[in-house]
Amino acid sequence: MAYRMTFRGDKELMRKLNRMSKMKEAKAIVKDNTTQLQGKMMNNAIFTKGYSVGATKRSIAISFENGGLTGLVEPKTKYSPYLEFGTRYMSAQPFVGISFHQQVKTFYKDMHNLVK
């Protein structure tokens, strides 16, 4: 289960960031927003239906790729997609998508302010 945000024109963005010597700041923005996304996911991972013991909340992991320009946040329990999307026996209790869509607005704003 993954939500992915990509930029159109990312090669041009990277060239501009390198020209502006702002790659370090861009990595800091990615790190901050990824950490905030993890916090939002953990806050939203409160499941009221079923037998919640907190394993999914504790499993939400953070990692970085692409030299710090890609941040990943994902729940590691094998049943987390069932919580997010539901099943025919259980209604959805979304926590990944909601958090992602909240954080993406902040990320876009931060990146836009960086390249102004």
Protein backbone atom coordinates (compact mmCIF):
# COMPACT_ATOMS: atom_id res chain seq x y z
CA MET A 1 0.00 0.00 0.00
CA ALA A 2 1.62 3.22 -1.08
CA TYR A 3 0.71 6.72 -1.99
CA ARG A 4 3.29 8.44 -4.10
CA MET A 5 3.76 12.08 -4.89
CA THR A 6 5.90 12.99 -7.85
CA PHE A 7 6.73 16.25 -9.49
CA ARG A 8 6.33 16.82 -13.17
CA GLY A 9 9.45 18.50 -14.36
CA ASP A 10 11.55 17.04 -11.55
CA LYS A 11 14.73 17.13 -13.66
CA GLU A 12 14.29 20.87 -14.16
CA LEU A 13 13.62 21.28 -10.45
CA MET A 14 16.82 19.41 -9.57
CA ARG A 15 18.84 21.56 -11.97
CA LYS A 16 17.38 24.71 -10.47
CA LEU A 17 18.02 23.51 -6.92
CA ASN A 18 21.62 22.69 -7.79
CA ARG A 19 22.10 26.07 -9.46
CA MET A 20 20.64 27.81 -6.46
CA SER A 21 22.79 25.73 -4.08
CA LYS A 22 19.62 24.76 -2.24
CA MET A 23 19.92 21.00 -2.37
CA LYS A 24 20.68 20.87 1.37
CA GLU A 25 17.53 22.87 2.13
CA ALA A 26 15.46 20.62 -0.17
CA LYS A 27 16.67 17.54 1.70
CA ALA A 28 15.75 19.23 4.99
CA ILE A 29 12.24 19.91 3.66
CA VAL A 30 11.88 16.27 2.59
CA LYS A 31 13.08 15.10 6.01
CA ASP A 32 10.80 17.45 7.94
CA ASN A 33 7.72 16.64 5.88
CA THR A 34 8.38 12.91 5.99
CA THR A 35 8.71 13.06 9.77
CA GLN A 36 5.51 15.10 10.03
CA LEU A 37 3.73 12.56 7.81
CA GLN A 38 4.83 9.75 10.10
CA GLY A 39 3.45 11.65 13.09
CA LYS A 40 0.13 12.26 11.36
CA MET A 41 -0.15 8.61 10.39
CA MET A 42 0.53 7.54 13.95
CA ASN A 43 -2.06 10.00 15.27
CA ASN A 44 -4.63 8.74 12.75
CA ALA A 45 -3.86 5.05 13.44
CA ILE A 46 -6.46 4.71 16.16
CA PHE A 47 -8.73 1.86 15.24
CA THR A 48 -12.06 1.71 17.02
CA LYS A 49 -13.46 -1.38 15.35
CA GLY A 50 -12.06 -4.87 15.78
CA TYR A 51 -9.23 -5.93 18.01
CA SER A 52 -6.71 -3.14 18.00
CA VAL A 53 -3.59 -3.75 20.03
CA GLY A 54 -1.49 -0.93 18.56
CA ALA A 55 0.80 -3.09 16.40
CA THR A 56 0.02 -1.16 13.23
CA LYS A 57 0.64 2.18 14.91
CA ARG A 58 3.99 0.96 16.25
CA SER A 59 4.94 -0.49 12.86
CA ILE A 60 4.78 2.82 10.97
CA ALA A 61 8.34 3.15 9.73
CA ILE A 62 10.23 5.98 8.10
CA SER A 63 13.10 5.69 5.62
CA PHE A 64 14.90 7.81 3.06
CA GLU A 65 16.17 7.06 -0.43
CA ASN A 66 17.71 8.91 -3.35
CA GLY A 67 20.29 10.66 -1.18
CA GLY A 68 17.64 12.08 1.14
CA LEU A 69 15.40 13.43 -1.63
CA THR A 70 12.80 10.69 -1.22
CA GLY A 71 11.06 10.01 2.07
CA LEU A 72 9.02 6.88 2.71
CA VAL A 73 6.52 6.31 5.50
CA GLU A 74 4.69 3.01 5.64
CA PRO A 75 2.96 0.72 8.08
CA LYS A 76 4.72 -2.65 8.19
CA THR A 77 1.92 -4.91 9.43
CA LYS A 78 0.70 -7.25 6.72
CA TYR A 79 -2.93 -6.43 7.49
CA SER A 80 -2.64 -2.62 7.33
CA PRO A 81 -4.23 -2.50 3.82
CA TYR A 82 -7.33 -4.14 5.31
CA LEU A 83 -7.52 -1.39 7.93
CA GLU A 84 -7.01 1.34 5.32
CA PHE A 85 -9.45 0.05 2.70
CA GLY A 86 -11.71 -2.33 4.62
CA THR A 87 -12.98 -5.76 3.65
CA ARG A 88 -16.38 -7.18 3.00
CA TYR A 89 -16.60 -7.89 6.73
CA MET A 90 -15.01 -4.71 8.04
CA SER A 91 -15.45 -1.07 7.07
CA ALA A 92 -12.40 0.99 6.17
CA GLN A 93 -10.59 2.91 8.87
CA PRO A 94 -8.26 5.05 6.74
CA PHE A 95 -5.10 6.45 8.27
CA VAL A 96 -2.52 6.47 5.44
CA GLY A 97 -4.35 8.36 2.69
CA ILE A 98 -5.82 10.97 5.01
CA SER A 99 -2.40 11.73 6.47
CA PHE A 100 -0.76 11.83 3.06
CA HIS A 101 -3.29 14.24 1.60
CA GLN A 102 -2.94 16.55 4.59
CA GLN A 103 0.87 16.61 4.43
CA VAL A 104 1.22 16.96 0.67
CA LYS A 105 -0.18 20.49 0.82
CA THR A 106 2.50 21.53 3.30
CA PHE A 107 5.22 19.85 1.25
CA TYR A 108 4.21 21.64 -1.95
CA LYS A 109 4.11 24.96 -0.11
CA ASP A 110 7.55 24.40 1.42
CA MET A 111 9.11 23.42 -1.91
CA HIS A 112 7.46 26.34 -3.68
CA ASN A 113 8.85 28.75 -1.09
CA LEU A 114 12.32 27.25 -1.54
CA VAL A 115 12.49 27.86 -5.28
CA LYS A 116 10.88 31.32 -5.29
